[in-house]
Amino acid sequence: MGAFLVLLLWIASIVLFLWIWSDATDRHGQSIGCLWALAVLALGPIAIIAYFIFGRSND
């Protein structure tokens, strides 16, 4: 059961990483999308929360 949970969290993190990269690229351009993706890769949940607060603005 523990291995299944770890696998599920790993898959969810990859999906979120790709979605944030794609969404940020569509909204703000390729450079910003790459920066958000790297932040999510480095900081994990903290960067995901920050993206939902700051990165989804339509400036």
PDB file of N, CA and C in Angstrom:
ATOM      1  N   MET A   1       0.824  -1.196   0.000  1.00  0.00           N
ATOM      2  CA  MET A   1       0.000   0.000   0.000  1.00  0.00           C
ATOM      3  C   MET A   1       0.869   1.261   0.000  1.00  0.00           C
ATOM      4  N   GLY A   2       1.978   1.240   0.747  1.00  0.00           N
ATOM      5  CA  GLY A   2       2.864   2.396   0.800  1.00  0.00           C
ATOM      6  C   GLY A   2       3.511   2.679  -0.535  1.00  0.00           C
ATOM      7  N   ALA A   3       3.894   1.621  -1.256  1.00  0.00           N
ATOM      8  CA  ALA A   3       4.515   1.798  -2.569  1.00  0.00           C
ATOM      9  C   ALA A   3       3.525   2.403  -3.554  1.00  0.00           C
ATOM     10  N   PHE A   4       2.265   2.021  -3.446  1.00  0.00           N
ATOM     11  CA  PHE A   4       1.237   2.574  -4.324  1.00  0.00           C
ATOM     12  C   PHE A   4       1.061   4.061  -4.063  1.00  0.00           C
ATOM     13  N   LEU A   5       1.081   4.454  -2.793  1.00  0.00           N
ATOM     14  CA  LEU A   5       0.942   5.865  -2.445  1.00  0.00           C
ATOM     15  C   LEU A   5       2.122   6.684  -2.956  1.00  0.00           C
ATOM     16  N   VAL A   6       3.321   6.153  -2.814  1.00  0.00           N
ATOM     17  CA  VAL A   6       4.514   6.842  -3.324  1.00  0.00           C
ATOM     18  C   VAL A   6       4.434   6.979  -4.838  1.00  0.00           C
ATOM     19  N   LEU A   7       4.031   5.930  -5.531  1.00  0.00           N
ATOM     20  CA  LEU A   7       3.880   5.983  -6.990  1.00  0.00           C
ATOM     21  C   LEU A   7       2.832   7.009  -7.395  1.00  0.00           C
ATOM     22  N   LEU A   8       1.721   7.049  -6.685  1.00  0.00           N
ATOM     23  CA  LEU A   8       0.659   8.001  -6.987  1.00  0.00           C
ATOM     24  C   LEU A   8       1.135   9.439  -6.784  1.00  0.00           C
ATOM     25  N   LEU A   9       1.865   9.705  -5.703  1.00  0.00           N
ATOM     26  CA  LEU A   9       2.396  11.049  -5.466  1.00  0.00           C
ATOM     27  C   LEU A   9       3.436  11.436  -6.511  1.00  0.00           C
ATOM     28  N   TRP A  10       4.248  10.484  -6.928  1.00  0.00           N
ATOM     29  CA  TRP A  10       5.256  10.741  -7.954  1.00  0.00           C
ATOM     30  C   TRP A  10       4.592  11.103  -9.281  1.00  0.00           C
ATOM     31  N   ILE A  11       3.579  10.359  -9.672  1.00  0.00           N
ATOM     32  CA  ILE A  11       2.863  10.640 -10.922  1.00  0.00           C
ATOM     33  C   ILE A  11       2.156  11.992 -10.839  1.00  0.00           C
ATOM     34  N   ALA A  12       1.539  12.285  -9.700  1.00  0.00           N
ATOM     35  CA  ALA A  12       0.853  13.571  -9.531  1.00  0.00           C
ATOM     36  C   ALA A  12       1.837  14.737  -9.617  1.00  0.00           C
ATOM     37  N   SER A  13       3.024  14.576  -9.061  1.00  0.00           N
ATOM     38  CA  SER A  13       4.001  15.662  -9.125  1.00  0.00           C
ATOM     39  C   SER A  13       4.488  15.890 -10.553  1.00  0.00           C
ATOM     40  N   ILE A  14       4.648  14.830 -11.322  1.00  0.00           N
ATOM     41  CA  ILE A  14       5.051  14.982 -12.725  1.00  0.00           C
ATOM     42  C   ILE A  14       3.951  15.672 -13.524  1.00  0.00           C
ATOM     43  N   VAL A  15       2.705  15.289 -13.300  1.00  0.00           N
ATOM     44  CA  VAL A  15       1.581  15.912 -14.003  1.00  0.00           C
ATOM     45  C   VAL A  15       1.493  17.394 -13.656  1.00  0.00           C
ATOM     46  N   LEU A  16       1.623  17.740 -12.375  1.00  0.00           N
ATOM     47  CA  LEU A  16       1.590  19.144 -11.972  1.00  0.00           C
ATOM     48  C   LEU A  16       2.753  19.929 -12.571  1.00  0.00           C
ATOM     49  N   PHE A  17       3.933  19.343 -12.570  1.00  0.00           N
ATOM     50  CA  PHE A  17       5.109  19.983 -13.160  1.00  0.00           C
ATOM     51  C   PHE A  17       4.849  20.320 -14.623  1.00  0.00           C
ATOM     52  N   LEU A  18       4.363  19.353 -15.399  1.00  0.00           N
ATOM     53  CA  LEU A  18       4.111  19.578 -16.826  1.00  0.00           C
ATOM     54  C   LEU A  18       2.978  20.570 -17.051  1.00  0.00           C
ATOM     55  N   TRP A  19       1.943  20.499 -16.212  1.00  0.00           N
ATOM     56  CA  TRP A  19       0.820  21.416 -16.373  1.00  0.00           C
ATOM     57  C   TRP A  19       1.253  22.855 -16.067  1.00  0.00           C
ATOM     58  N   ILE A  20       2.016  23.051 -15.005  1.00  0.00           N
ATOM     59  CA  ILE A  20       2.475  24.400 -14.659  1.00  0.00           C
ATOM     60  C   ILE A  20       3.385  24.947 -15.744  1.00  0.00           C
ATOM     61  N   TRP A  21       4.260  24.119 -16.266  1.00  0.00           N
ATOM     62  CA  TRP A  21       5.139  24.554 -17.345  1.00  0.00           C
ATOM     63  C   TRP A  21       4.320  24.998 -18.555  1.00  0.00           C
ATOM     64  N   SER A  22       3.354  24.184 -18.948  1.00  0.00           N
ATOM     65  CA  SER A  22       2.525  24.500 -20.105  1.00  0.00           C
ATOM     66  C   SER A  22       1.680  25.746 -19.865  1.00  0.00           C
ATOM     67  N   ASP A  23       1.051  25.835 -18.708  1.00  0.00           N
ATOM     68  CA  ASP A  23       0.172  26.962 -18.406  1.00  0.00           C
ATOM     69  C   ASP A  23       0.957  28.268 -18.320  1.00  0.00           C
ATOM     70  N   ALA A  24       2.085  28.253 -17.641  1.00  0.00           N
ATOM     71  CA  ALA A  24       2.900  29.466 -17.519  1.00  0.00           C
ATOM     72  C   ALA A  24       3.453  29.887 -18.876  1.00  0.00           C
ATOM     73  N   THR A  25       3.826  28.927 -19.718  1.00  0.00           N
ATOM     74  CA  THR A  25       4.319  29.250 -21.054  1.00  0.00           C
ATOM     75  C   THR A  25       3.222  29.886 -21.889  1.00  0.00           C
ATOM     76  N   ASP A  26       2.009  29.356 -21.824  1.00  0.00           N
ATOM     77  CA  ASP A  26       0.892  29.919 -22.585  1.00  0.00           C
ATOM     78  C   ASP A  26       0.529  31.320 -22.103  1.00  0.00           C
ATOM     79  N   ARG A  27       0.595  31.543 -20.804  1.00  0.00           N
ATOM     80  CA  ARG A  27       0.191  32.835 -20.248  1.00  0.00           C
ATOM     81  C   ARG A  27       1.266  33.905 -20.370  1.00  0.00           C
ATOM     82  N   HIS A  28       2.537  33.526 -20.141  1.00  0.00           N
ATOM     83  CA  HIS A  28       3.581  34.540 -19.996  1.00  0.00           C
ATOM     84  C   HIS A  28       4.785  34.362 -20.909  1.00  0.00           C
ATOM     85  N   GLY A  29       4.826  33.334 -21.711  1.00  0.00           N
ATOM     86  CA  GLY A  29       5.955  33.114 -22.607  1.00  0.00           C
ATOM     87  C   GLY A  29       6.861  31.992 -22.120  1.00  0.00           C
ATOM     88  N   GLN A  30       7.737  31.567 -23.013  1.00  0.00           N
ATOM     89  CA  GLN A  30       8.557  30.394 -22.758  1.00  0.00           C
ATOM     90  C   GLN A  30       9.538  30.597 -21.602  1.00  0.00           C
ATOM     91  N   SER A  31      10.111  31.765 -21.481  1.00  0.00           N
ATOM     92  CA  SER A  31      11.092  32.005 -20.413  1.00  0.00           C
ATOM     93  C   SER A  31      10.464  31.878 -19.030  1.00  0.00           C
ATOM     94  N   ILE A  32       9.317  32.487 -18.858  1.00  0.00           N
ATOM     95  CA  ILE A  32       8.641  32.440 -17.562  1.00  0.00           C
ATOM     96  C   ILE A  32       8.142  31.034 -17.274  1.00  0.00           C
ATOM     97  N   GLY A  33       7.655  30.344 -18.290  1.00  0.00           N
ATOM     98  CA  GLY A  33       7.214  28.969 -18.097  1.00  0.00           C
ATOM     99  C   GLY A  33       8.342  28.077 -17.618  1.00  0.00           C
ATOM    100  N   CYS A  34       9.501  28.267 -18.189  1.00  0.00           N
ATOM    101  CA  CYS A  34      10.677  27.489 -17.782  1.00  0.00           C
ATOM    102  C   CYS A  34      11.071  27.823 -16.352  1.00  0.00           C
ATOM    103  N   LEU A  35      11.021  29.099 -15.976  1.00  0.00           N
ATOM    104  CA  LEU A  35      11.375  29.485 -14.614  1.00  0.00           C
ATOM    105  C   LEU A  35      10.414  28.898 -13.583  1.00  0.00           C
ATOM    106  N   TRP A  36       9.114  28.935 -13.886  1.00  0.00           N
ATOM    107  CA  TRP A  36       8.149  28.345 -12.964  1.00  0.00           C
ATOM    108  C   TRP A  36       8.355  26.840 -12.861  1.00  0.00           C
ATOM    109  N   ALA A  37       8.630  26.185 -13.979  1.00  0.00           N
ATOM    110  CA  ALA A  37       8.865  24.738 -13.955  1.00  0.00           C
ATOM    111  C   ALA A  37      10.095  24.401 -13.118  1.00  0.00           C
ATOM    112  N   LEU A  38      11.158  25.169 -13.255  1.00  0.00           N
ATOM    113  CA  LEU A  38      12.355  24.940 -12.451  1.00  0.00           C
ATOM    114  C   LEU A  38      12.088  25.200 -10.965  1.00  0.00           C
ATOM    115  N   ALA A  39      11.287  26.201 -10.673  1.00  0.00           N
ATOM    116  CA  ALA A  39      10.942  26.479  -9.277  1.00  0.00           C
ATOM    117  C   ALA A  39      10.153  25.323  -8.677  1.00  0.00           C
ATOM    118  N   VAL A  40       9.213  24.790  -9.446  1.00  0.00           N
ATOM    119  CA  VAL A  40       8.430  23.646  -8.964  1.00  0.00           C
ATOM    120  C   VAL A  40       9.324  22.434  -8.776  1.00  0.00           C
ATOM    121  N   LEU A  41      10.249  22.239  -9.677  1.00  0.00           N
ATOM    122  CA  LEU A  41      11.170  21.116  -9.563  1.00  0.00           C
ATOM    123  C   LEU A  41      12.064  21.255  -8.332  1.00  0.00           C
ATOM    124  N   ALA A  42      12.515  22.464  -8.039  1.00  0.00           N
ATOM    125  CA  ALA A  42      13.430  22.682  -6.927  1.00  0.00           C
ATOM    126  C   ALA A  42      12.726  22.778  -5.574  1.00  0.00           C
ATOM    127  N   LEU A  43      11.577  23.442  -5.539  1.00  0.00           N
ATOM    128  CA  LEU A  43      10.934  23.742  -4.258  1.00  0.00           C
ATOM    129  C   LEU A  43       9.695  22.902  -3.962  1.00  0.00           C
ATOM    130  N   GLY A  44       9.176  22.226  -4.971  1.00  0.00           N
ATOM    131  CA  GLY A  44       8.040  21.332  -4.767  1.00  0.00           C
ATOM    132  C   GLY A  44       6.766  22.052  -4.377  1.00  0.00           C
ATOM    133  N   PRO A  45       6.127  21.598  -3.302  1.00  0.00           N
ATOM    134  CA  PRO A  45       4.805  22.122  -2.925  1.00  0.00           C
ATOM    135  C   PRO A  45       4.780  23.621  -2.663  1.00  0.00           C
ATOM    136  N   ILE A  46       5.875  24.178  -2.166  1.00  0.00           N
ATOM    137  CA  ILE A  46       5.918  25.626  -1.907  1.00  0.00           C
ATOM    138  C   ILE A  46       5.755  26.395  -3.212  1.00  0.00           C
ATOM    139  N   ALA A  47       6.450  25.969  -4.263  1.00  0.00           N
ATOM    140  CA  ALA A  47       6.361  26.646  -5.561  1.00  0.00           C
ATOM    141  C   ALA A  47       5.006  26.415  -6.213  1.00  0.00           C
ATOM    142  N   ILE A  48       4.412  25.256  -6.005  1.00  0.00           N
ATOM    143  CA  ILE A  48       3.086  24.985  -6.568  1.00  0.00           C
ATOM    144  C   ILE A  48       2.069  25.939  -5.961  1.00  0.00           C
ATOM    145  N   ILE A  49       2.117  26.116  -4.650  1.00  0.00           N
ATOM    146  CA  ILE A  49       1.209  27.054  -3.987  1.00  0.00           C
ATOM    147  C   ILE A  49       1.477  28.476  -4.466  1.00  0.00           C
ATOM    148  N   ALA A  50       2.747  28.848  -4.580  1.00  0.00           N
ATOM    149  CA  ALA A  50       3.097  30.188  -5.062  1.00  0.00           C
ATOM    150  C   ALA A  50       2.591  30.405  -6.479  1.00  0.00           C
ATOM    151  N   TYR A  51       2.662  29.372  -7.332  1.00  0.00           N
ATOM    152  CA  TYR A  51       2.173  29.521  -8.696  1.00  0.00           C
ATOM    153  C   TYR A  51       0.673  29.775  -8.719  1.00  0.00           C
ATOM    154  N   PHE A  52      -0.077  29.065  -7.891  1.00  0.00           N
ATOM    155  CA  PHE A  52      -1.511  29.274  -7.870  1.00  0.00           C
ATOM    156  C   PHE A  52      -1.879  30.650  -7.322  1.00  0.00           C
ATOM    157  N   ILE A  53      -1.031  31.215  -6.462  1.00  0.00           N
ATOM    158  CA  ILE A  53      -1.305  32.548  -5.912  1.00  0.00           C
ATOM    159  C   ILE A  53      -0.826  33.649  -6.859  1.00  0.00           C
ATOM    160  N   PHE A  54       0.414  33.539  -7.371  1.00  0.00           N
ATOM    161  CA  PHE A  54       1.028  34.623  -8.143  1.00  0.00           C
ATOM    162  C   PHE A  54       1.109  34.375  -9.648  1.00  0.00           C
ATOM    163  N   GLY A  55       1.312  33.165 -10.062  1.00  0.00           N
ATOM    164  CA  GLY A  55       1.589  32.877 -11.463  1.00  0.00           C
ATOM    165  C   GLY A  55       0.399  32.849 -12.389  1.00  0.00           C
ATOM    166  N   ARG A  56      -0.792  32.711 -11.836  1.00  0.00           N
ATOM    167  CA  ARG A  56      -1.969  32.609 -12.679  1.00  0.00           C
ATOM    168  C   ARG A  56      -2.616  33.970 -12.928  1.00  0.00           C
ATOM    169  N   SER A  57      -1.978  35.046 -12.518  1.00  0.00           N
ATOM    170  CA  SER A  57      -2.539  36.381 -12.763  1.00  0.00           C
ATOM    171  C   SER A  57      -2.458  36.692 -14.250  1.00  0.00           C
ATOM    172  N   ASN A  58      -3.378  37.472 -14.718  1.00  0.00           N
ATOM    173  CA  ASN A  58      -3.467  37.804 -16.147  1.00  0.00           C
ATOM    174  C   ASN A  58      -2.935  39.207 -16.411  1.00  0.00           C
ATOM    175  N   ASP A  59      -1.777  39.522 -15.896  1.00  0.00           N
ATOM    176  CA  ASP A  59      -1.196  40.871 -16.060  1.00  0.00           C
ATOM    177  C   ASP A  59      -0.976  41.183 -17.509  1.00  0.00           C
TER     178      ASP A  59
END
